[in-house]
C-alpha atoms as a PDB file:
ATOM      1  CA  UNK A   1     114.856  64.601 131.009  1.00  0.00           C
ATOM      2  CA  UNK A   2     116.727  63.435 134.113  1.00  0.00           C
ATOM      3  CA  UNK A   3     119.772  61.221 134.181  1.00  0.00           C
ATOM      4  CA  UNK A   4     117.625  58.172 135.263  1.00  0.00           C
ATOM      5  CA  UNK A   5     115.568  58.630 132.000  1.00  0.00           C
ATOM      6  CA  UNK A   6     118.411  59.234 129.675  1.00  0.00           C
ATOM      7  CA  UNK A   7     120.287  56.027 130.978  1.00  0.00           C
ATOM      8  CA  UNK A   8     116.644  54.083 130.521  1.00  0.00           C
ATOM      9  CA  UNK A   9     116.846  55.467 126.984  1.00  0.00           C
ATOM     10  CA  UNK A  10     120.097  54.355 126.304  1.00  0.00           C
ATOM     11  CA  UNK A  11     119.482  50.776 127.371  1.00  0.00           C
ATOM     12  CA  UNK A  12     117.104  50.499 124.836  1.00  0.00           C
ATOM     13  CA  UNK A  13     119.365  50.972 122.287  1.00  0.00           C
ATOM     14  CA  UNK A  14     120.796  47.478 123.015  1.00  0.00           C
ATOM     15  CA  UNK A  15     117.564  46.010 122.189  1.00  0.00           C
ATOM     16  CA  UNK A  16     115.779  45.834 118.779  1.00  0.00           C
ATOM     17  CA  UNK A  17     112.604  44.048 119.680  1.00  0.00           C
ATOM     18  CA  UNK A  18     109.499  45.883 119.180  1.00  0.00           C
ATOM     19  CA  UNK A  19     106.059  45.031 120.497  1.00  0.00           C
ATOM     20  CA  UNK A  20     102.476  46.504 119.517  1.00  0.00           C
ATOM     21  CA  UNK A  21      99.881  46.210 122.126  1.00  0.00           C
ATOM     22  CA  UNK A  22      96.463  46.363 120.563  1.00  0.00           C
ATOM     23  CA  UNK A  23      93.001  47.309 122.464  1.00  0.00           C
ATOM     24  CA  UNK A  24      89.660  49.493 121.942  1.00  0.00           C
ATOM     25  CA  UNK A  25      89.812  52.189 124.549  1.00  0.00           C
ATOM     26  CA  UNK A  26      92.113  54.473 126.692  1.00  0.00           C
ATOM     27  CA  UNK A  27      92.509  52.432 130.120  1.00  0.00           C
ATOM     28  CA  UNK A  28      92.420  49.119 128.132  1.00  0.00           C
ATOM     29  CA  UNK A  29      96.086  48.608 128.395  1.00  0.00           C
ATOM     30  CA  UNK A  30      97.835  46.491 130.775  1.00  0.00           C
ATOM     31  CA  UNK A  31     100.097  48.944 132.153  1.00  0.00           C
ATOM     32  CA  UNK A  32     102.213  46.039 134.060  1.00  0.00           C
ATOM     33  CA  UNK A  33     103.011  44.391 130.994  1.00  0.00           C
ATOM     34  CA  UNK A  34     103.739  47.498 128.979  1.00  0.00           C
ATOM     35  CA  UNK A  35     105.958  48.816 131.955  1.00  0.00           C
ATOM     36  CA  UNK A  36     107.891  45.430 132.268  1.00  0.00           C
ATOM     37  CA  UNK A  37     108.429  45.429 128.294  1.00  0.00           C
ATOM     38  CA  UNK A  38     109.401  48.908 128.162  1.00  0.00           C
ATOM     39  CA  UNK A  39     111.466  49.260 131.320  1.00  0.00           C
ATOM     40  CA  UNK A  40     112.245  45.989 132.125  1.00  0.00           C
ATOM     41  CA  UNK A  41     113.103  44.106 129.017  1.00  0.00           C
ATOM     42  CA  UNK A  42     114.099  47.616 127.122  1.00  0.00           C
ATOM     43  CA  UNK A  43     111.740  46.555 124.243  1.00  0.00           C
ATOM     44  CA  UNK A  44     110.454  49.448 122.064  1.00  0.00           C
ATOM     45  CA  UNK A  45     106.875  49.081 123.182  1.00  0.00           C
ATOM     46  CA  UNK A  46     103.847  50.753 121.747  1.00  0.00           C
ATOM     47  CA  UNK A  47     100.198  50.793 122.687  1.00  0.00           C
ATOM     48  CA  UNK A  48      97.310  51.172 119.798  1.00  0.00           C
ATOM     49  CA  UNK A  49      94.006  52.369 121.231  1.00  0.00           C
ATOM     50  CA  UNK A  50      91.495  51.953 118.443  1.00  0.00           C
ATOM     51  CA  UNK A  51      89.440  55.044 120.011  1.00  0.00           C
ATOM     52  CA  UNK A  52      90.022  58.173 122.405  1.00  0.00           C
ATOM     53  CA  UNK A  53      87.470  57.077 124.714  1.00  0.00           C
ATOM     54  CA  UNK A  54      84.763  59.579 123.445  1.00  0.00           C
ATOM     55  CA  UNK A  55      81.831  57.712 124.653  1.00  0.00           C
ATOM     56  CA  UNK A  56      83.231  56.935 128.204  1.00  0.00           C
ATOM     57  CA  UNK A  57      82.196  58.244 131.616  1.00  0.00           C
ATOM     58  CA  UNK A  58      83.683  61.352 132.998  1.00  0.00           C
ATOM     59  CA  UNK A  59      84.143  61.431 136.835  1.00  0.00           C
ATOM     60  CA  UNK A  60      86.470  64.648 137.029  1.00  0.00           C
ATOM     61  CA  UNK A  61      84.792  67.072 134.533  1.00  0.00           C
ATOM     62  CA  UNK A  62      81.650  67.903 132.586  1.00  0.00           C
ATOM     63  CA  UNK A  63      83.686  67.219 129.127  1.00  0.00           C
ATOM     64  CA  UNK A  64      81.671  64.576 126.943  1.00  0.00           C
ATOM     65  CA  UNK A  65      82.054  63.343 123.533  1.00  0.00           C
ATOM     66  CA  UNK A  66      84.851  64.668 121.339  1.00  0.00           C
ATOM     67  CA  UNK A  67      85.729  66.930 124.443  1.00  0.00           C
ATOM     68  CA  UNK A  68      86.064  63.813 126.953  1.00  0.00           C
ATOM     69  CA  UNK A  69      88.163  62.486 123.944  1.00  0.00           C
ATOM     70  CA  UNK A  70      90.790  64.978 124.261  1.00  0.00           C
ATOM     71  CA  UNK A  71      90.846  64.666 128.045  1.00  0.00           C
ATOM     72  CA  UNK A  72      91.324  60.768 127.728  1.00  0.00           C
ATOM     73  CA  UNK A  73      93.700  61.348 124.886  1.00  0.00           C
ATOM     74  CA  UNK A  74      96.032  63.635 127.098  1.00  0.00           C
ATOM     75  CA  UNK A  75      95.440  60.777 129.997  1.00  0.00           C
ATOM     76  CA  UNK A  76      96.975  58.113 127.746  1.00  0.00           C
ATOM     77  CA  UNK A  77      99.906  60.134 126.600  1.00  0.00           C
ATOM     78  CA  UNK A  78     100.625  61.069 130.322  1.00  0.00           C
ATOM     79  CA  UNK A  79     100.592  57.326 130.937  1.00  0.00           C
ATOM     80  CA  UNK A  80     103.170  56.568 128.107  1.00  0.00           C
ATOM     81  CA  UNK A  81     105.445  59.094 129.550  1.00  0.00           C
ATOM     82  CA  UNK A  82     105.423  56.995 132.765  1.00  0.00           C
ATOM     83  CA  UNK A  83     105.879  53.807 131.653  1.00  0.00           C
ATOM     84  CA  UNK A  84     108.074  54.438 128.665  1.00  0.00           C
ATOM     85  CA  UNK A  85     105.715  53.405 126.011  1.00  0.00           C
ATOM     86  CA  UNK A  86     104.660  55.130 122.888  1.00  0.00           C
ATOM     87  CA  UNK A  87     100.894  55.992 121.894  1.00  0.00           C
ATOM     88  CA  UNK A  88      99.009  55.429 118.323  1.00  0.00           C
ATOM     89  CA  UNK A  89      95.386  55.623 117.703  1.00  0.00           C
ATOM     90  CA  UNK A  90      92.927  54.972 114.661  1.00  0.00           C
ATOM     91  CA  UNK A  91      90.165  57.023 113.535  1.00  0.00           C
ATOM     92  CA  UNK A  92      87.536  54.767 115.429  1.00  0.00           C
ATOM     93  CA  UNK A  93      84.813  56.691 117.421  1.00  0.00           C
ATOM     94  CA  UNK A  94      83.994  55.377 120.916  1.00  0.00           C
ATOM     95  CA  UNK A  95      80.150  55.461 120.462  1.00  0.00           C
ATOM     96  CA  UNK A  96      79.553  54.052 123.851  1.00  0.00           C
ATOM     97  CA  UNK A  97      78.645  50.346 124.785  1.00  0.00           C
ATOM     98  CA  UNK A  98      78.314  47.970 121.785  1.00  0.00           C
ATOM     99  CA  UNK A  99      76.592  44.500 122.101  1.00  0.00           C
ATOM    100  CA  UNK A 100      78.598  42.999 119.329  1.00  0.00           C
ATOM    101  CA  UNK A 101      81.882  43.186 117.270  1.00  0.00           C
ATOM    102  CA  UNK A 102      79.610  43.485 114.007  1.00  0.00           C
ATOM    103  CA  UNK A 103      77.737  46.315 115.049  1.00  0.00           C
ATOM    104  CA  UNK A 104      81.323  48.275 116.155  1.00  0.00           C
ATOM    105  CA  UNK A 105      82.965  47.275 112.888  1.00  0.00           C
ATOM    106  CA  UNK A 106      79.801  48.413 110.647  1.00  0.00           C
ATOM    107  CA  UNK A 107      79.507  51.875 112.664  1.00  0.00           C
ATOM    108  CA  UNK A 108      83.399  52.360 112.316  1.00  0.00           C
ATOM    109  CA  UNK A 109      83.678  51.390 108.869  1.00  0.00           C
ATOM    110  CA  UNK A 110      85.513  48.330 108.890  1.00  0.00           C
ATOM    111  CA  UNK A 111      88.049  48.685 105.900  1.00  0.00           C
ATOM    112  CA  UNK A 112      88.834  52.286 107.185  1.00  0.00           C
ATOM    113  CA  UNK A 113      89.946  51.182 110.744  1.00  0.00           C
ATOM    114  CA  UNK A 114      91.867  48.145 109.267  1.00  0.00           C
ATOM    115  CA  UNK A 115      93.498  50.201 107.051  1.00  0.00           C
ATOM    116  CA  UNK A 116      94.604  52.424 110.104  1.00  0.00           C
ATOM    117  CA  UNK A 117      95.597  49.487 112.027  1.00  0.00           C
ATOM    118  CA  UNK A 118      97.719  48.075 109.161  1.00  0.00           C
ATOM    119  CA  UNK A 119      99.267  51.481 108.565  1.00  0.00           C
ATOM    120  CA  UNK A 120     100.384  51.594 112.195  1.00  0.00           C
ATOM    121  CA  UNK A 121     101.910  48.008 111.961  1.00  0.00           C
ATOM    122  CA  UNK A 122     103.836  49.160 108.871  1.00  0.00           C
ATOM    123  CA  UNK A 123     105.231  52.474 110.427  1.00  0.00           C
ATOM    124  CA  UNK A 124     105.958  50.900 113.968  1.00  0.00           C
ATOM    125  CA  UNK A 125     107.209  47.734 112.356  1.00  0.00           C
ATOM    126  CA  UNK A 126     106.754  45.441 115.414  1.00  0.00           C
ATOM    127  CA  UNK A 127     108.067  41.891 115.802  1.00  0.00           C
ATOM    128  CA  UNK A 128     105.320  40.698 118.184  1.00  0.00           C
ATOM    129  CA  UNK A 129     101.469  42.012 118.556  1.00  0.00           C
ATOM    130  CA  UNK A 130      99.752  41.375 121.890  1.00  0.00           C
ATOM    131  CA  UNK A 131      95.834  41.984 121.815  1.00  0.00           C
ATOM    132  CA  UNK A 132      94.325  42.674 124.987  1.00  0.00           C
ATOM    133  CA  UNK A 133      91.071  40.768 124.258  1.00  0.00           C
ATOM    134  CA  UNK A 134      90.128  37.493 122.610  1.00  0.00           C
ATOM    135  CA  UNK A 135      88.278  37.847 119.314  1.00  0.00           C
ATOM    136  CA  UNK A 136      85.091  36.355 120.418  1.00  0.00           C
ATOM    137  CA  UNK A 137      82.343  36.871 123.130  1.00  0.00           C
ATOM    138  CA  UNK A 138      84.650  36.578 125.784  1.00  0.00           C
ATOM    139  CA  UNK A 139      85.812  40.185 125.474  1.00  0.00           C
ATOM    140  CA  UNK A 140      82.359  41.142 126.537  1.00  0.00           C
ATOM    141  CA  UNK A 141      82.030  44.609 124.793  1.00  0.00           C
ATOM    142  CA  UNK A 142      81.790  44.608 121.051  1.00  0.00           C
ATOM    143  CA  UNK A 143      84.580  47.138 120.800  1.00  0.00           C
ATOM    144  CA  UNK A 144      86.796  44.828 122.822  1.00  0.00           C
ATOM    145  CA  UNK A 145      85.930  41.943 120.546  1.00  0.00           C
ATOM    146  CA  UNK A 146      86.527  44.108 117.279  1.00  0.00           C
ATOM    147  CA  UNK A 147      89.976  45.258 118.502  1.00  0.00           C
ATOM    148  CA  UNK A 148      91.298  41.675 118.707  1.00  0.00           C
ATOM    149  CA  UNK A 149      89.464  40.573 115.331  1.00  0.00           C
ATOM    150  CA  UNK A 150      91.284  43.962 113.423  1.00  0.00           C
ATOM    151  CA  UNK A 151      94.531  42.761 115.086  1.00  0.00           C
ATOM    152  CA  UNK A 152      94.330  39.399 113.597  1.00  0.00           C
ATOM    153  CA  UNK A 153      93.620  40.510 110.113  1.00  0.00           C
ATOM    154  CA  UNK A 154      95.874  43.220 110.017  1.00  0.00           C
ATOM    155  CA  UNK A 155      98.714  40.945 111.116  1.00  0.00           C
ATOM    156  CA  UNK A 156      98.067  38.948 107.826  1.00  0.00           C
ATOM    157  CA  UNK A 157      97.676  42.003 105.656  1.00  0.00           C
ATOM    158  CA  UNK A 158     100.728  44.123 106.761  1.00  0.00           C
ATOM    159  CA  UNK A 159     102.695  41.949 104.958  1.00  0.00           C
ATOM    160  CA  UNK A 160     100.828  41.925 101.690  1.00  0.00           C
ATOM    161  CA  UNK A 161     101.830  44.677  99.090  1.00  0.00           C
ATOM    162  CA  UNK A 162      98.050  44.070  97.550  1.00  0.00           C
ATOM    163  CA  UNK A 163      96.615  45.427 100.814  1.00  0.00           C
ATOM    164  CA  UNK A 164      96.090  48.999 100.822  1.00  0.00           C
ATOM    165  CA  UNK A 165      98.770  49.558  98.283  1.00  0.00           C
ATOM    166  CA  UNK A 166      98.326  53.349  98.603  1.00  0.00           C
ATOM    167  CA  UNK A 167     100.368  53.147 101.779  1.00  0.00           C
ATOM    168  CA  UNK A 168     103.284  51.959 100.237  1.00  0.00           C
ATOM    169  CA  UNK A 169     104.246  55.493  98.998  1.00  0.00           C
ATOM    170  CA  UNK A 170     105.411  55.968 102.591  1.00  0.00           C
ATOM    171  CA  UNK A 171     105.972  52.637 103.926  1.00  0.00           C
ATOM    172  CA  UNK A 172     106.817  49.274 103.188  1.00  0.00           C
ATOM    173  CA  UNK A 173     104.969  46.053 103.927  1.00  0.00           C
ATOM    174  CA  UNK A 174     105.948  44.419 107.078  1.00  0.00           C
ATOM    175  CA  UNK A 175     105.696  40.879 108.479  1.00  0.00           C
ATOM    176  CA  UNK A 176     104.967  40.569 112.289  1.00  0.00           C
ATOM    177  CA  UNK A 177     106.476  37.225 113.609  1.00  0.00           C
ATOM    178  CA  UNK A 178     104.083  36.350 116.233  1.00  0.00           C
ATOM    179  CA  UNK A 179     100.563  37.272 117.751  1.00  0.00           C
ATOM    180  CA  UNK A 180      99.475  36.735 121.191  1.00  0.00           C
ATOM    181  CA  UNK A 181      96.482  37.192 123.568  1.00  0.00           C
ATOM    182  CA  UNK A 182      97.047  38.736 126.755  1.00  0.00           C
ATOM    183  CA  UNK A 183      95.038  36.421 128.778  1.00  0.00           C
ATOM    184  CA  UNK A 184      94.391  36.856 132.484  1.00  0.00           C
ATOM    185  CA  UNK A 185      93.613  34.641 135.402  1.00  0.00           C
ATOM    186  CA  UNK A 186      91.021  37.464 135.971  1.00  0.00           C
ATOM    187  CA  UNK A 187      89.097  35.799 133.280  1.00  0.00           C
ATOM    188  CA  UNK A 188      90.146  32.132 133.657  1.00  0.00           C
ATOM    189  CA  UNK A 189      91.477  31.101 137.370  1.00  0.00           C
ATOM    190  CA  UNK A 190      92.913  27.877 135.798  1.00  0.00           C
ATOM    191  CA  UNK A 191      95.286  29.818 133.336  1.00  0.00           C
ATOM    192  CA  UNK A 192      98.505  29.586 135.636  1.00  0.00           C
ATOM    193  CA  UNK A 193      98.034  25.655 135.537  1.00  0.00           C
ATOM    194  CA  UNK A 194      97.789  25.913 131.789  1.00  0.00           C
ATOM    195  CA  UNK A 195     101.453  27.196 131.074  1.00  0.00           C
ATOM    196  CA  UNK A 196     103.316  25.120 128.836  1.00  0.00           C
ATOM    197  CA  UNK A 197     105.670  27.725 127.332  1.00  0.00           C
ATOM    198  CA  UNK A 198     104.161  26.304 123.633  1.00  0.00           C
ATOM    199  CA  UNK A 199     100.712  27.886 123.503  1.00  0.00           C
ATOM    200  CA  UNK A 200     100.671  29.528 126.822  1.00  0.00           C
ATOM    201  CA  UNK A 201     103.140  31.478 128.370  1.00  0.00           C
ATOM    202  CA  UNK A 202     103.449  32.855 131.729  1.00  0.00           C
ATOM    203  CA  UNK A 203     105.561  36.211 132.088  1.00  0.00           C
ATOM    204  CA  UNK A 204     106.437  37.457 135.704  1.00  0.00           C
ATOM    205  CA  UNK A 205     106.192  41.351 135.223  1.00  0.00           C
ATOM    206  CA  UNK A 206     107.775  42.077 138.897  1.00  0.00           C
ATOM    207  CA  UNK A 207     110.923  43.519 139.560  1.00  0.00           C
ATOM    208  CA  UNK A 208     112.864  46.688 140.548  1.00  0.00           C
ATOM    209  CA  UNK A 209     114.608  49.123 138.776  1.00  0.00           C
ATOM    210  CA  UNK A 210     117.312  50.825 140.429  1.00  0.00           C
ATOM    211  CA  UNK A 211     118.089  53.220 138.158  1.00  0.00           C
ATOM    212  CA  UNK A 212     114.396  54.799 138.695  1.00  0.00           C
ATOM    213  CA  UNK A 213     114.215  53.663 142.143  1.00  0.00           C
ATOM    214  CA  UNK A 214     110.942  52.049 141.613  1.00  0.00           C
ATOM    215  CA  UNK A 215     109.382  48.556 140.880  1.00  0.00           C
ATOM    216  CA  UNK A 216     107.887  47.930 137.674  1.00  0.00           C
ATOM    217  CA  UNK A 217     104.278  47.476 139.711  1.00  0.00           C
ATOM    218  CA  UNK A 218     104.875  51.000 141.044  1.00  0.00           C
ATOM    219  CA  UNK A 219     105.762  52.508 137.802  1.00  0.00           C
ATOM    220  CA  UNK A 220     102.625  50.718 136.095  1.00  0.00           C
ATOM    221  CA  UNK A 221     100.613  51.709 138.989  1.00  0.00           C
ATOM    222  CA  UNK A 222     101.801  55.424 138.622  1.00  0.00           C
ATOM    223  CA  UNK A 223     100.925  55.045 134.785  1.00  0.00           C
ATOM    224  CA  UNK A 224      97.704  53.842 135.360  1.00  0.00           C
ATOM    225  CA  UNK A 225      96.708  56.650 137.723  1.00  0.00           C
ATOM    226  CA  UNK A 226      96.943  59.129 134.864  1.00  0.00           C
ATOM    227  CA  UNK A 227      93.247  57.840 133.997  1.00  0.00           C
ATOM    228  CA  UNK A 228      91.897  60.131 136.422  1.00  0.00           C
ATOM    229  CA  UNK A 229      88.295  60.629 134.241  1.00  0.00           C
ATOM    230  CA  UNK A 230      87.975  57.205 134.926  1.00  0.00           C
ATOM    231  CA  UNK A 231      88.442  57.217 138.525  1.00  0.00           C
ATOM    232  CA  UNK A 232      91.930  55.595 138.474  1.00  0.00           C
ATOM    233  CA  UNK A 233      94.420  57.298 141.186  1.00  0.00           C
ATOM    234  CA  UNK A 234      91.531  59.215 142.876  1.00  0.00           C
ATOM    235  CA  UNK A 235      90.416  58.895 146.064  1.00  0.00           C
ATOM    236  CA  UNK A 236      86.737  58.334 146.748  1.00  0.00           C
ATOM    237  CA  UNK A 237      87.109  60.550 150.089  1.00  0.00           C
END
């Protein structure tokens, strides 16, 4: 670890805020937001990807299925080393495109994956949860919708000692203070006009880190470029 990374780690010691970001697949995460929270605000930040991307495409090799899941797991871990964020997973299998959240939750076995999400919350103990997707058809992909639905369920259940009591041998119930949806003007062009700092919050994720010598956008781009199997950071020529 070089001196700039050591100093960045020391800066985090002055903060106690923890943020857990939840989505469905490798490369679903908003690396700009994660980088800003981790590097800019010095929050302890983590990404929970429900799957390891087994059912996705592979633009750099022949690996498919579980082998592709290994490749994409390593890409996620490489991205986290860049943006300074921790990485978690559940047992959910990426079985390819899903038309509905109900299909996803059925094939995943809802209670098993919900248990995994509650476990991560109780272990990581976030103050805030941020979902990448909304818990409805706007998410577009059944896995995406299901990830938000599970996050909202786990938000309530993590604090309930009656929920998954077998976990309490190793952890305690944990109450998350707030849950947010990481909305985007990519979905809704009017979103900037809706910011009222009550129900809709705007966050400027720009800025420059003089210690690391890069802007948060540059760091985020470098993190996103680790998803090479999905075509990020690879020239088409």
